[in-house]
Amino acid sequence: MMTREDMMRELELLPVWQSRALAPEVAVIKDVSRVLTQQAVELKPDLEVHVVEAAANAPLANVDEPSETLTPVPIESPTLTYIASENGEYLFVLPNAAMSAEELQLFQNICKALRIKTKPAETSSDILASINEVQAKLLVVMGEAVAQMILESAEPIAYLRDRLHQLNGFTLIATYDLAHLLQNPVDKAKVWRDLCMGLQTLQDLKVTNS
């Protein structure tokens, strides 16, 4: 039986703790009004005169004229890559980009740690339709831009991850993408926590349906 240490080793998470340098102190401006006053004194007098004259001579907008009607431009949905597990439990949604050898190896390590085998990768320009078609129990969305688009959110991935989302009746977790993990190996531990949360959700579903 694969232990927690074995799973973390597959994700190359051992060791995961590294000392971090203390962030430099940032000077705090206590008296903002004093700073603004000093900056205002430094303005050249002739500059202030030109600004006042320009404002006085500026023509007034004609509010009676109707504004030009703007035609909204339809936004096309980007093409995304999705990979389903053979057991029907997982559906990974990733940016539509060819995986490098390192990214592919990392993804295979993730699947090995989760003890799943996957089907060939596919692409979709309508990912919501593909999600409804696959009917996976857990959606794993990897990458900030992908998560923001699917969840219709402007929040950063640091906020969207580490929690469960609901999308049209499906449970979804958002986490970092493979390229980010290769550039920031320390975040592998965060991805593993997200995956463990998803794994616990699947186990709870099995207990509920049993």
N, C-alpha and C. Protein backbone atom coordinates (compact mmCIF):
# COMPACT_ATOMS: atom_id res chain seq x y z
N MET A 1 0.86 -1.21 0.00
CA MET A 1 0.00 0.00 0.00
C MET A 1 0.88 1.24 0.00
N MET A 2 0.56 2.20 -0.86
CA MET A 2 1.36 3.42 -0.98
C MET A 2 1.10 4.33 0.21
N THR A 3 2.14 4.69 0.93
CA THR A 3 2.01 5.58 2.09
C THR A 3 1.99 7.03 1.64
N ARG A 4 1.69 7.91 2.60
CA ARG A 4 1.69 9.35 2.31
C ARG A 4 3.06 9.80 1.83
N GLU A 5 4.13 9.23 2.45
CA GLU A 5 5.49 9.59 2.05
C GLU A 5 5.77 9.15 0.62
N ASP A 6 5.24 7.95 0.24
CA ASP A 6 5.43 7.47 -1.12
C ASP A 6 4.76 8.41 -2.13
N MET A 7 3.54 8.87 -1.79
CA MET A 7 2.82 9.77 -2.69
C MET A 7 3.55 11.08 -2.85
N MET A 8 4.06 11.60 -1.73
CA MET A 8 4.77 12.88 -1.79
C MET A 8 6.07 12.74 -2.56
N ARG A 9 6.68 11.54 -2.44
CA ARG A 9 7.92 11.31 -3.19
C ARG A 9 7.64 11.28 -4.70
N GLU A 10 6.47 10.73 -5.09
CA GLU A 10 6.12 10.70 -6.50
C GLU A 10 5.97 12.11 -7.06
N LEU A 11 5.50 13.01 -6.21
CA LEU A 11 5.34 14.40 -6.64
C LEU A 11 6.59 15.22 -6.41
N GLU A 12 7.65 14.55 -5.97
CA GLU A 12 8.93 15.22 -5.72
C GLU A 12 8.77 16.31 -4.67
N LEU A 13 8.02 15.94 -3.59
CA LEU A 13 7.75 16.92 -2.53
C LEU A 13 8.67 16.75 -1.33
N LEU A 14 9.55 15.76 -1.38
CA LEU A 14 10.46 15.53 -0.26
C LEU A 14 11.86 16.00 -0.62
N PRO A 15 12.49 16.91 0.15
CA PRO A 15 11.84 17.66 1.24
C PRO A 15 11.08 18.86 0.70
N VAL A 16 10.08 19.32 1.44
CA VAL A 16 9.28 20.46 0.96
C VAL A 16 9.56 21.73 1.74
N TRP A 17 10.20 21.62 2.88
CA TRP A 17 10.39 22.82 3.71
C TRP A 17 11.72 23.46 3.38
N GLN A 18 11.70 24.70 3.10
CA GLN A 18 12.90 25.48 2.84
C GLN A 18 12.77 26.80 3.59
N SER A 19 13.90 27.23 4.13
CA SER A 19 13.87 28.50 4.85
C SER A 19 13.68 29.63 3.89
N ARG A 20 12.96 30.61 4.31
CA ARG A 20 12.68 31.76 3.48
C ARG A 20 13.31 33.00 4.09
N ALA A 21 13.87 33.82 3.22
CA ALA A 21 14.46 35.07 3.70
C ALA A 21 13.36 36.00 4.15
N LEU A 22 13.66 36.77 5.22
CA LEU A 22 12.68 37.72 5.73
C LEU A 22 12.46 38.82 4.72
N ALA A 23 11.20 39.20 4.55
CA ALA A 23 10.89 40.26 3.61
C ALA A 23 11.43 41.58 4.12
N PRO A 24 12.01 42.41 3.25
CA PRO A 24 12.56 43.70 3.70
C PRO A 24 11.46 44.60 4.23
N GLU A 25 11.82 45.41 5.22
CA GLU A 25 10.86 46.32 5.81
C GLU A 25 10.51 47.41 4.81
N VAL A 26 9.26 47.78 4.80
CA VAL A 26 8.79 48.82 3.91
C VAL A 26 8.51 50.06 4.74
N ALA A 27 9.08 51.15 4.28
CA ALA A 27 8.90 52.40 5.01
C ALA A 27 7.44 52.82 4.96
N VAL A 28 6.88 53.23 6.09
CA VAL A 28 5.49 53.63 6.19
C VAL A 28 5.40 55.14 6.29
N ILE A 29 4.61 55.74 5.44
CA ILE A 29 4.42 57.18 5.48
C ILE A 29 3.32 57.47 6.49
N LYS A 30 3.69 58.11 7.59
CA LYS A 30 2.74 58.37 8.65
C LYS A 30 1.87 59.59 8.37
N ASP A 31 2.48 60.63 7.78
CA ASP A 31 1.74 61.86 7.55
C ASP A 31 1.62 62.07 6.06
N VAL A 32 0.52 61.57 5.49
CA VAL A 32 0.34 61.66 4.05
C VAL A 32 0.10 63.09 3.62
N SER A 33 -0.65 63.85 4.40
CA SER A 33 -0.96 65.23 4.04
C SER A 33 0.29 66.08 3.94
N ARG A 34 1.28 65.79 4.83
CA ARG A 34 2.53 66.57 4.80
C ARG A 34 3.31 66.29 3.52
N VAL A 35 3.32 65.01 3.09
CA VAL A 35 4.03 64.65 1.87
C VAL A 35 3.38 65.29 0.65
N LEU A 36 2.03 65.24 0.62
CA LEU A 36 1.33 65.85 -0.50
C LEU A 36 1.53 67.34 -0.55
N THR A 37 1.58 67.97 0.63
CA THR A 37 1.80 69.42 0.68
C THR A 37 3.17 69.78 0.16
N GLN A 38 4.19 68.98 0.54
CA GLN A 38 5.54 69.24 0.06
C GLN A 38 5.63 69.08 -1.44
N GLN A 39 4.93 68.06 -1.99
CA GLN A 39 4.95 67.87 -3.43
C GLN A 39 4.25 69.01 -4.15
N ALA A 40 3.18 69.54 -3.57
CA ALA A 40 2.46 70.64 -4.19
C ALA A 40 3.30 71.91 -4.22
N VAL A 41 4.12 72.14 -3.17
CA VAL A 41 4.96 73.34 -3.11
C VAL A 41 6.00 73.30 -4.22
N GLU A 42 6.46 72.06 -4.58
CA GLU A 42 7.51 71.93 -5.58
C GLU A 42 7.01 72.17 -7.00
N LEU A 43 5.68 72.26 -7.20
CA LEU A 43 5.16 72.51 -8.54
C LEU A 43 5.55 73.90 -9.01
N LYS A 44 5.86 74.01 -10.29
CA LYS A 44 6.23 75.30 -10.83
C LYS A 44 5.00 76.17 -10.98
N PRO A 45 5.07 77.48 -10.57
CA PRO A 45 3.90 78.37 -10.64
C PRO A 45 3.36 78.48 -12.05
N ASP A 46 4.24 78.57 -13.07
CA ASP A 46 3.74 78.76 -14.43
C ASP A 46 2.99 77.54 -14.92
N LEU A 47 3.33 76.33 -14.37
CA LEU A 47 2.61 75.12 -14.73
C LEU A 47 1.18 75.18 -14.23
N GLU A 48 1.00 75.69 -12.99
CA GLU A 48 -0.33 75.81 -12.43
C GLU A 48 -1.17 76.77 -13.24
N VAL A 49 -0.59 77.86 -13.73
CA VAL A 49 -1.33 78.85 -14.51
C VAL A 49 -1.81 78.24 -15.82
N HIS A 50 -0.90 77.49 -16.48
CA HIS A 50 -1.28 76.87 -17.74
C HIS A 50 -2.41 75.87 -17.55
N VAL A 51 -2.38 75.13 -16.46
CA VAL A 51 -3.43 74.15 -16.20
C VAL A 51 -4.76 74.84 -16.01
N VAL A 52 -4.79 75.95 -15.25
CA VAL A 52 -6.04 76.68 -15.00
C VAL A 52 -6.57 77.26 -16.30
N GLU A 53 -5.68 77.87 -17.12
CA GLU A 53 -6.11 78.46 -18.38
C GLU A 53 -6.66 77.40 -19.33
N ALA A 54 -6.00 76.25 -19.38
CA ALA A 54 -6.47 75.19 -20.26
C ALA A 54 -7.85 74.70 -19.86
N ALA A 55 -8.10 74.61 -18.57
CA ALA A 55 -9.40 74.17 -18.09
C ALA A 55 -10.48 75.20 -18.40
N ALA A 56 -10.12 76.50 -18.28
CA ALA A 56 -11.10 77.55 -18.53
C ALA A 56 -11.46 77.64 -20.00
N ASN A 57 -10.49 77.38 -20.90
CA ASN A 57 -10.72 77.52 -22.33
C ASN A 57 -11.23 76.25 -23.00
N ALA A 58 -11.30 75.17 -22.25
CA ALA A 58 -11.74 73.90 -22.83
C ALA A 58 -13.20 73.98 -23.23
N PRO A 59 -13.58 73.53 -24.43
CA PRO A 59 -14.98 73.58 -24.87
C PRO A 59 -15.83 72.62 -24.06
N LEU A 60 -17.06 73.03 -23.80
CA LEU A 60 -17.98 72.20 -23.05
C LEU A 60 -18.57 71.13 -23.96
N ALA A 61 -18.76 69.93 -23.42
CA ALA A 61 -19.34 68.85 -24.21
C ALA A 61 -20.81 69.10 -24.45
N ASN A 62 -21.27 68.80 -25.63
CA ASN A 62 -22.68 68.97 -25.98
C ASN A 62 -23.43 67.73 -25.51
N VAL A 63 -24.16 67.89 -24.42
CA VAL A 63 -24.83 66.74 -23.82
C VAL A 63 -26.08 66.34 -24.59
N ASP A 64 -26.52 67.24 -25.53
CA ASP A 64 -27.73 66.92 -26.28
C ASP A 64 -27.47 65.96 -27.42
N GLU A 65 -26.18 65.84 -27.85
CA GLU A 65 -25.86 64.97 -28.96
C GLU A 65 -25.85 63.51 -28.52
N PRO A 66 -26.56 62.65 -29.21
CA PRO A 66 -26.58 61.23 -28.82
C PRO A 66 -25.22 60.60 -29.04
N SER A 67 -24.81 59.77 -28.11
CA SER A 67 -23.53 59.09 -28.23
C SER A 67 -23.63 57.99 -29.27
N GLU A 68 -22.49 57.67 -29.86
CA GLU A 68 -22.45 56.64 -30.89
C GLU A 68 -22.73 55.27 -30.29
N THR A 69 -23.57 54.52 -30.92
CA THR A 69 -23.93 53.19 -30.43
C THR A 69 -22.79 52.22 -30.72
N LEU A 70 -22.33 51.53 -29.67
CA LEU A 70 -21.24 50.59 -29.81
C LEU A 70 -21.79 49.18 -29.96
N THR A 71 -21.28 48.47 -30.90
CA THR A 71 -21.70 47.09 -31.13
C THR A 71 -20.77 46.16 -30.37
N PRO A 72 -21.31 45.38 -29.43
CA PRO A 72 -20.44 44.48 -28.65
C PRO A 72 -19.78 43.44 -29.54
N VAL A 73 -18.53 43.18 -29.26
CA VAL A 73 -17.78 42.18 -30.02
C VAL A 73 -17.84 40.85 -29.28
N PRO A 74 -18.34 39.80 -29.89
CA PRO A 74 -18.42 38.51 -29.20
C PRO A 74 -17.04 37.99 -28.85
N ILE A 75 -16.93 37.45 -27.65
CA ILE A 75 -15.66 36.90 -27.18
C ILE A 75 -15.67 35.39 -27.38
N GLU A 76 -14.73 34.91 -28.13
CA GLU A 76 -14.66 33.48 -28.40
C GLU A 76 -14.04 32.74 -27.21
N SER A 77 -14.60 31.59 -26.91
CA SER A 77 -14.06 30.78 -25.83
C SER A 77 -12.75 30.16 -26.27
N PRO A 78 -11.72 30.23 -25.44
CA PRO A 78 -10.44 29.64 -25.84
C PRO A 78 -10.51 28.12 -25.86
N THR A 79 -9.66 27.53 -26.65
CA THR A 79 -9.57 26.07 -26.70
C THR A 79 -8.74 25.58 -25.52
N LEU A 80 -9.26 24.61 -24.80
CA LEU A 80 -8.58 24.08 -23.63
C LEU A 80 -8.33 22.58 -23.80
N THR A 81 -7.40 22.07 -23.05
CA THR A 81 -7.10 20.64 -23.04
C THR A 81 -7.75 19.99 -21.84
N TYR A 82 -8.34 18.83 -22.04
CA TYR A 82 -8.89 18.09 -20.90
C TYR A 82 -8.48 16.63 -20.99
N ILE A 83 -8.24 16.05 -19.82
CA ILE A 83 -7.79 14.66 -19.72
C ILE A 83 -8.64 13.97 -18.67
N ALA A 84 -9.34 12.93 -19.07
CA ALA A 84 -10.22 12.19 -18.15
C ALA A 84 -9.53 10.93 -17.66
N SER A 85 -9.84 10.56 -16.44
CA SER A 85 -9.30 9.31 -15.90
C SER A 85 -10.15 8.14 -16.39
N GLU A 86 -9.53 6.98 -16.47
CA GLU A 86 -10.23 5.81 -16.98
C GLU A 86 -11.37 5.37 -16.05
N ASN A 87 -11.24 5.64 -14.76
CA ASN A 87 -12.28 5.22 -13.81
C ASN A 87 -13.45 6.21 -13.76
N GLY A 88 -13.37 7.29 -14.54
CA GLY A 88 -14.48 8.23 -14.60
C GLY A 88 -14.58 9.19 -13.43
N GLU A 89 -13.61 9.17 -12.53
CA GLU A 89 -13.69 10.03 -11.35
C GLU A 89 -13.09 11.41 -11.57
N TYR A 90 -12.01 11.50 -12.33
CA TYR A 90 -11.29 12.76 -12.48
C TYR A 90 -11.41 13.30 -13.90
N LEU A 91 -11.45 14.61 -13.99
CA LEU A 91 -11.31 15.29 -15.28
C LEU A 91 -10.39 16.49 -15.06
N PHE A 92 -9.20 16.42 -15.65
CA PHE A 92 -8.23 17.51 -15.55
C PHE A 92 -8.44 18.47 -16.71
N VAL A 93 -8.51 19.75 -16.40
CA VAL A 93 -8.64 20.79 -17.43
C VAL A 93 -7.40 21.66 -17.36
N LEU A 94 -6.70 21.78 -18.48
CA LEU A 94 -5.43 22.48 -18.52
C LEU A 94 -5.40 23.48 -19.68
N PRO A 95 -4.43 24.41 -19.65
CA PRO A 95 -4.26 25.30 -20.80
C PRO A 95 -3.96 24.49 -22.05
N ASN A 96 -4.40 25.00 -23.18
CA ASN A 96 -4.19 24.27 -24.44
C ASN A 96 -2.80 24.56 -24.97
N ALA A 97 -1.86 23.81 -24.50
CA ALA A 97 -0.46 23.96 -24.93
C ALA A 97 0.19 22.59 -24.86
N ALA A 98 1.06 22.34 -25.81
CA ALA A 98 1.76 21.06 -25.81
C ALA A 98 2.63 20.93 -24.56
N MET A 99 2.51 19.81 -23.88
CA MET A 99 3.30 19.60 -22.67
C MET A 99 4.76 19.36 -23.03
N SER A 100 5.64 19.96 -22.25
CA SER A 100 7.05 19.64 -22.39
C SER A 100 7.29 18.28 -21.76
N ALA A 101 8.46 17.72 -21.97
CA ALA A 101 8.79 16.42 -21.37
C ALA A 101 8.73 16.49 -19.85
N GLU A 102 9.17 17.62 -19.29
CA GLU A 102 9.15 17.79 -17.83
C GLU A 102 7.71 17.89 -17.32
N GLU A 103 6.87 18.63 -18.04
CA GLU A 103 5.48 18.76 -17.62
C GLU A 103 4.75 17.42 -17.71
N LEU A 104 5.01 16.67 -18.77
CA LEU A 104 4.38 15.36 -18.92
C LEU A 104 4.80 14.42 -17.80
N GLN A 105 6.07 14.45 -17.44
CA GLN A 105 6.55 13.59 -16.36
C GLN A 105 5.91 13.97 -15.03
N LEU A 106 5.75 15.27 -14.79
CA LEU A 106 5.12 15.73 -13.56
C LEU A 106 3.66 15.31 -13.52
N PHE A 107 2.95 15.43 -14.64
CA PHE A 107 1.55 15.02 -14.68
C PHE A 107 1.42 13.52 -14.45
N GLN A 108 2.31 12.75 -15.02
CA GLN A 108 2.28 11.30 -14.80
C GLN A 108 2.55 10.96 -13.34
N ASN A 109 3.42 11.73 -12.70
CA ASN A 109 3.68 11.52 -11.27
C ASN A 109 2.43 11.80 -10.44
N ILE A 110 1.70 12.85 -10.83
CA ILE A 110 0.46 13.18 -10.12
C ILE A 110 -0.54 12.03 -10.25
N CYS A 111 -0.70 11.54 -11.46
CA CYS A 111 -1.64 10.44 -11.69
C CYS A 111 -1.22 9.17 -10.95
N LYS A 112 0.09 8.93 -10.90
CA LYS A 112 0.59 7.75 -10.19
C LYS A 112 0.33 7.88 -8.70
N ALA A 113 0.50 9.10 -8.16
CA ALA A 113 0.24 9.31 -6.73
C ALA A 113 -1.24 9.13 -6.42
N LEU A 114 -2.12 9.50 -7.37
CA LEU A 114 -3.55 9.34 -7.18
C LEU A 114 -4.03 7.94 -7.54
N ARG A 115 -3.13 7.11 -8.09
CA ARG A 115 -3.43 5.75 -8.49
C ARG A 115 -4.50 5.71 -9.57
N ILE A 116 -4.34 6.54 -10.57
CA ILE A 116 -5.30 6.55 -11.67
C ILE A 116 -4.55 6.46 -13.00
N LYS A 117 -5.26 5.93 -13.99
CA LYS A 117 -4.77 5.94 -15.36
C LYS A 117 -5.68 6.87 -16.17
N THR A 118 -5.11 7.52 -17.15
CA THR A 118 -5.88 8.51 -17.88
C THR A 118 -6.06 8.12 -19.34
N LYS A 119 -7.09 8.68 -19.94
CA LYS A 119 -7.34 8.54 -21.37
C LYS A 119 -6.49 9.55 -22.13
N PRO A 120 -6.39 9.42 -23.44
CA PRO A 120 -5.63 10.41 -24.22
C PRO A 120 -6.20 11.82 -24.06
N ALA A 121 -5.34 12.80 -24.11
CA ALA A 121 -5.77 14.19 -23.96
C ALA A 121 -6.62 14.61 -25.16
N GLU A 122 -7.61 15.45 -24.90
CA GLU A 122 -8.46 16.00 -25.95
C GLU A 122 -8.54 17.51 -25.78
N THR A 123 -8.99 18.19 -26.82
CA THR A 123 -9.15 19.64 -26.76
C THR A 123 -10.61 20.00 -27.01
N SER A 124 -11.01 21.16 -26.49
CA SER A 124 -12.39 21.59 -26.65
C SER A 124 -12.45 23.11 -26.64
N SER A 125 -13.25 23.67 -27.53
CA SER A 125 -13.50 25.10 -27.52
C SER A 125 -14.77 25.44 -26.74
N ASP A 126 -15.45 24.41 -26.24
CA ASP A 126 -16.62 24.57 -25.37
C ASP A 126 -16.43 23.63 -24.20
N ILE A 127 -15.61 24.07 -23.25
CA ILE A 127 -15.21 23.16 -22.16
C ILE A 127 -16.39 22.79 -21.28
N LEU A 128 -17.37 23.68 -21.13
CA LEU A 128 -18.53 23.35 -20.28
C LEU A 128 -19.33 22.21 -20.90
N ALA A 129 -19.46 22.21 -22.22
CA ALA A 129 -20.16 21.11 -22.89
C ALA A 129 -19.37 19.81 -22.73
N SER A 130 -18.05 19.89 -22.80
CA SER A 130 -17.22 18.70 -22.63
C SER A 130 -17.31 18.16 -21.21
N ILE A 131 -17.38 19.07 -20.24
CA ILE A 131 -17.52 18.65 -18.84
C ILE A 131 -18.84 17.91 -18.64
N ASN A 132 -19.91 18.44 -19.21
CA ASN A 132 -21.21 17.79 -19.09
C ASN A 132 -21.22 16.44 -19.79
N GLU A 133 -20.46 16.32 -20.85
CA GLU A 133 -20.42 15.07 -21.60
C GLU A 133 -19.63 13.99 -20.86
N VAL A 134 -18.51 14.37 -20.25
CA VAL A 134 -17.66 13.40 -19.56
C VAL A 134 -18.30 12.93 -18.26
N GLN A 135 -18.97 13.85 -17.55
CA GLN A 135 -19.65 13.51 -16.30
C GLN A 135 -18.69 12.95 -15.25
N ALA A 136 -17.53 13.59 -15.08
CA ALA A 136 -16.58 13.17 -14.05
C ALA A 136 -17.07 13.61 -12.68
N LYS A 137 -16.64 12.91 -11.66
CA LYS A 137 -17.07 13.24 -10.30
C LYS A 137 -16.29 14.44 -9.74
N LEU A 138 -15.07 14.63 -10.22
CA LEU A 138 -14.24 15.71 -9.69
C LEU A 138 -13.51 16.40 -10.84
N LEU A 139 -13.62 17.71 -10.90
CA LEU A 139 -12.91 18.50 -11.90
C LEU A 139 -11.67 19.11 -11.26
N VAL A 140 -10.54 18.90 -11.89
CA VAL A 140 -9.27 19.49 -11.42
C VAL A 140 -8.83 20.50 -12.47
N VAL A 141 -9.02 21.76 -12.18
CA VAL A 141 -8.69 22.83 -13.12
C VAL A 141 -7.31 23.37 -12.77
N MET A 142 -6.40 23.30 -13.71
CA MET A 142 -5.01 23.68 -13.45
C MET A 142 -4.65 24.95 -14.22
N GLY A 143 -4.28 25.98 -13.47
CA GLY A 143 -3.89 27.24 -14.09
C GLY A 143 -4.82 28.37 -13.72
N GLU A 144 -4.26 29.54 -13.47
CA GLU A 144 -5.06 30.69 -13.04
C GLU A 144 -6.04 31.13 -14.11
N ALA A 145 -5.56 31.32 -15.35
CA ALA A 145 -6.42 31.82 -16.42
C ALA A 145 -7.56 30.86 -16.69
N VAL A 146 -7.28 29.56 -16.68
CA VAL A 146 -8.31 28.55 -16.93
C VAL A 146 -9.36 28.57 -15.81
N ALA A 147 -8.89 28.63 -14.57
CA ALA A 147 -9.82 28.64 -13.44
C ALA A 147 -10.69 29.90 -13.45
N GLN A 148 -10.09 31.05 -13.77
CA GLN A 148 -10.86 32.29 -13.82
C GLN A 148 -11.93 32.23 -14.89
N MET A 149 -11.61 31.65 -16.04
CA MET A 149 -12.58 31.58 -17.13
C MET A 149 -13.73 30.65 -16.79
N ILE A 150 -13.41 29.45 -16.27
CA ILE A 150 -14.46 28.47 -15.98
C ILE A 150 -15.34 28.93 -14.82
N LEU A 151 -14.72 29.52 -13.80
CA LEU A 151 -15.47 29.96 -12.63
C LEU A 151 -16.03 31.37 -12.79
N GLU A 152 -15.71 32.02 -13.92
CA GLU A 152 -16.16 33.40 -14.18
C GLU A 152 -15.79 34.30 -13.00
N SER A 153 -14.51 34.27 -12.67
CA SER A 153 -14.00 35.01 -11.52
C SER A 153 -12.73 35.75 -11.92
N ALA A 154 -12.51 36.90 -11.28
CA ALA A 154 -11.28 37.66 -11.50
C ALA A 154 -10.29 37.44 -10.36
N GLU A 155 -10.63 36.56 -9.43
CA GLU A 155 -9.76 36.31 -8.28
C GLU A 155 -8.51 35.56 -8.72
N PRO A 156 -7.38 35.81 -8.07
CA PRO A 156 -6.14 35.09 -8.40
C PRO A 156 -6.23 33.63 -7.97
N ILE A 157 -5.36 32.81 -8.52
CA ILE A 157 -5.37 31.39 -8.21
C ILE A 157 -5.07 31.14 -6.73
N ALA A 158 -4.32 32.04 -6.10
CA ALA A 158 -4.03 31.88 -4.67
C ALA A 158 -5.30 31.92 -3.84
N TYR A 159 -6.33 32.63 -4.34
CA TYR A 159 -7.62 32.69 -3.65
C TYR A 159 -8.54 31.55 -4.08
N LEU A 160 -8.49 31.17 -5.36
CA LEU A 160 -9.41 30.16 -5.88
C LEU A 160 -9.05 28.75 -5.43
N ARG A 161 -7.78 28.50 -5.16
CA ARG A 161 -7.36 27.17 -4.75
C ARG A 161 -7.67 26.95 -3.26
N ASP A 162 -7.42 25.73 -2.81
CA ASP A 162 -7.59 25.36 -1.40
C ASP A 162 -9.04 25.47 -0.95
N ARG A 163 -9.98 25.26 -1.87
CA ARG A 163 -11.39 25.26 -1.53
C ARG A 163 -12.16 24.50 -2.60
N LEU A 164 -13.36 24.08 -2.25
CA LEU A 164 -14.21 23.36 -3.20
C LEU A 164 -15.17 24.33 -3.88
N HIS A 165 -15.34 24.15 -5.18
CA HIS A 165 -16.29 24.94 -5.94
C HIS A 165 -17.34 24.01 -6.55
N GLN A 166 -18.48 24.58 -6.85
CA GLN A 166 -19.54 23.83 -7.52
C GLN A 166 -19.78 24.44 -8.89
N LEU A 167 -19.81 23.61 -9.92
CA LEU A 167 -20.02 24.06 -11.29
C LEU A 167 -21.04 23.15 -11.96
N ASN A 168 -22.25 23.64 -12.12
CA ASN A 168 -23.32 22.87 -12.78
C ASN A 168 -23.49 21.49 -12.17
N GLY A 169 -23.39 21.43 -10.84
CA GLY A 169 -23.57 20.15 -10.16
C GLY A 169 -22.31 19.33 -10.00
N PHE A 170 -21.18 19.79 -10.56
CA PHE A 170 -19.91 19.08 -10.42
C PHE A 170 -19.04 19.76 -9.36
N THR A 171 -18.28 18.95 -8.64
CA THR A 171 -17.33 19.49 -7.66
C THR A 171 -16.02 19.82 -8.37
N LEU A 172 -15.49 20.99 -8.10
CA LEU A 172 -14.30 21.49 -8.80
C LEU A 172 -13.27 22.01 -7.82
N ILE A 173 -12.02 21.68 -8.08
CA ILE A 173 -10.91 22.29 -7.34
C ILE A 173 -10.00 22.96 -8.35
N ALA A 174 -9.47 24.11 -7.98
CA ALA A 174 -8.54 24.84 -8.83
C ALA A 174 -7.16 24.80 -8.19
N THR A 175 -6.14 24.69 -9.01
CA THR A 175 -4.79 24.65 -8.48
C THR A 175 -3.81 25.16 -9.54
N TYR A 176 -2.53 25.15 -9.21
CA TYR A 176 -1.50 25.67 -10.12
C TYR A 176 -1.31 24.74 -11.32
N ASP A 177 -0.88 25.31 -12.44
CA ASP A 177 -0.64 24.49 -13.61
C ASP A 177 0.78 23.91 -13.58
N LEU A 178 1.05 23.02 -14.52
CA LEU A 178 2.32 22.28 -14.53
C LEU A 178 3.51 23.20 -14.78
N ALA A 179 3.36 24.16 -15.69
CA ALA A 179 4.47 25.07 -15.98
C ALA A 179 4.84 25.88 -14.75
N HIS A 180 3.83 26.31 -14.00
CA HIS A 180 4.09 27.06 -12.77
C HIS A 180 4.84 26.21 -11.76
N LEU A 181 4.47 24.95 -11.65
CA LEU A 181 5.12 24.07 -10.67
C LEU A 181 6.58 23.83 -11.01
N LEU A 182 6.88 23.74 -12.29
CA LEU A 182 8.28 23.55 -12.67
C LEU A 182 9.11 24.79 -12.36
N GLN A 183 8.51 25.95 -12.44
CA GLN A 183 9.22 27.19 -12.14
C GLN A 183 9.21 27.51 -10.65
N ASN A 184 8.22 26.97 -9.93
CA ASN A 184 8.09 27.22 -8.50
C ASN A 184 7.86 25.90 -7.77
N PRO A 185 8.89 25.07 -7.62
CA PRO A 185 8.73 23.73 -7.03
C PRO A 185 8.14 23.76 -5.62
N VAL A 186 8.32 24.85 -4.88
CA VAL A 186 7.80 24.91 -3.52
C VAL A 186 6.28 24.82 -3.50
N ASP A 187 5.61 25.18 -4.62
CA ASP A 187 4.16 25.14 -4.68
C ASP A 187 3.62 23.73 -4.94
N LYS A 188 4.50 22.76 -5.15
CA LYS A 188 4.04 21.38 -5.32
C LYS A 188 3.30 20.89 -4.07
N ALA A 189 3.75 21.34 -2.92
CA ALA A 189 3.09 20.94 -1.67
C ALA A 189 1.66 21.48 -1.63
N LYS A 190 1.44 22.68 -2.16
CA LYS A 190 0.10 23.27 -2.19
C LYS A 190 -0.80 22.48 -3.13
N VAL A 191 -0.26 22.07 -4.27
CA VAL A 191 -1.03 21.27 -5.22
C VAL A 191 -1.41 19.94 -4.59
N TRP A 192 -0.47 19.35 -3.86
CA TRP A 192 -0.77 18.07 -3.22
C TRP A 192 -1.89 18.22 -2.20
N ARG A 193 -1.90 19.35 -1.45
CA ARG A 193 -2.99 19.59 -0.50
C ARG A 193 -4.33 19.73 -1.25
N ASP A 194 -4.31 20.42 -2.39
CA ASP A 194 -5.54 20.54 -3.18
C ASP A 194 -6.02 19.18 -3.65
N LEU A 195 -5.11 18.34 -4.12
CA LEU A 195 -5.48 17.02 -4.61
C LEU A 195 -5.99 16.13 -3.47
N CYS A 196 -5.38 16.26 -2.31
CA CYS A 196 -5.85 15.48 -1.15
C CYS A 196 -7.26 15.90 -0.75
N MET A 197 -7.56 17.19 -0.87
CA MET A 197 -8.91 17.67 -0.61
C MET A 197 -9.90 17.06 -1.60
N GLY A 198 -9.48 16.99 -2.86
CA GLY A 198 -10.33 16.35 -3.86
C GLY A 198 -10.50 14.87 -3.62
N LEU A 199 -9.42 14.21 -3.21
CA LEU A 199 -9.48 12.78 -2.92
C LEU A 199 -10.43 12.50 -1.76
N GLN A 200 -10.39 13.36 -0.73
CA GLN A 200 -11.30 13.19 0.40
C GLN A 200 -12.74 13.39 -0.04
N THR A 201 -12.97 14.32 -0.96
CA THR A 201 -14.31 14.55 -1.47
C THR A 201 -14.84 13.31 -2.18
N LEU A 202 -14.00 12.66 -2.98
CA LEU A 202 -14.42 11.43 -3.67
C LEU A 202 -14.73 10.31 -2.68
N GLN A 203 -13.93 10.21 -1.64
CA GLN A 203 -14.18 9.20 -0.63
C GLN A 203 -15.50 9.45 0.10
N ASP A 204 -15.78 10.73 0.38
CA ASP A 204 -17.05 11.07 1.03
C ASP A 204 -18.24 10.73 0.14
N LEU A 205 -18.08 10.94 -1.17
CA LEU A 205 -19.16 10.60 -2.10
C LEU A 205 -19.42 9.09 -2.11
N LYS A 206 -18.35 8.30 -2.04
CA LYS A 206 -18.51 6.86 -2.02
C LYS A 206 -19.26 6.40 -0.77
N VAL A 207 -18.92 7.03 0.37
CA VAL A 207 -19.61 6.68 1.62
C VAL A 207 -21.08 7.07 1.55
N THR A 208 -21.35 8.23 0.97
CA THR A 208 -22.73 8.71 0.87
C THR A 208 -23.56 7.83 -0.03
N ASN A 209 -22.96 7.36 -1.13
CA ASN A 209 -23.70 6.55 -2.10
C ASN A 209 -23.73 5.06 -1.76
N SER A 210 -22.99 4.67 -0.73
CA SER A 210 -22.94 3.24 -0.39
C SER A 210 -24.16 2.83 0.43
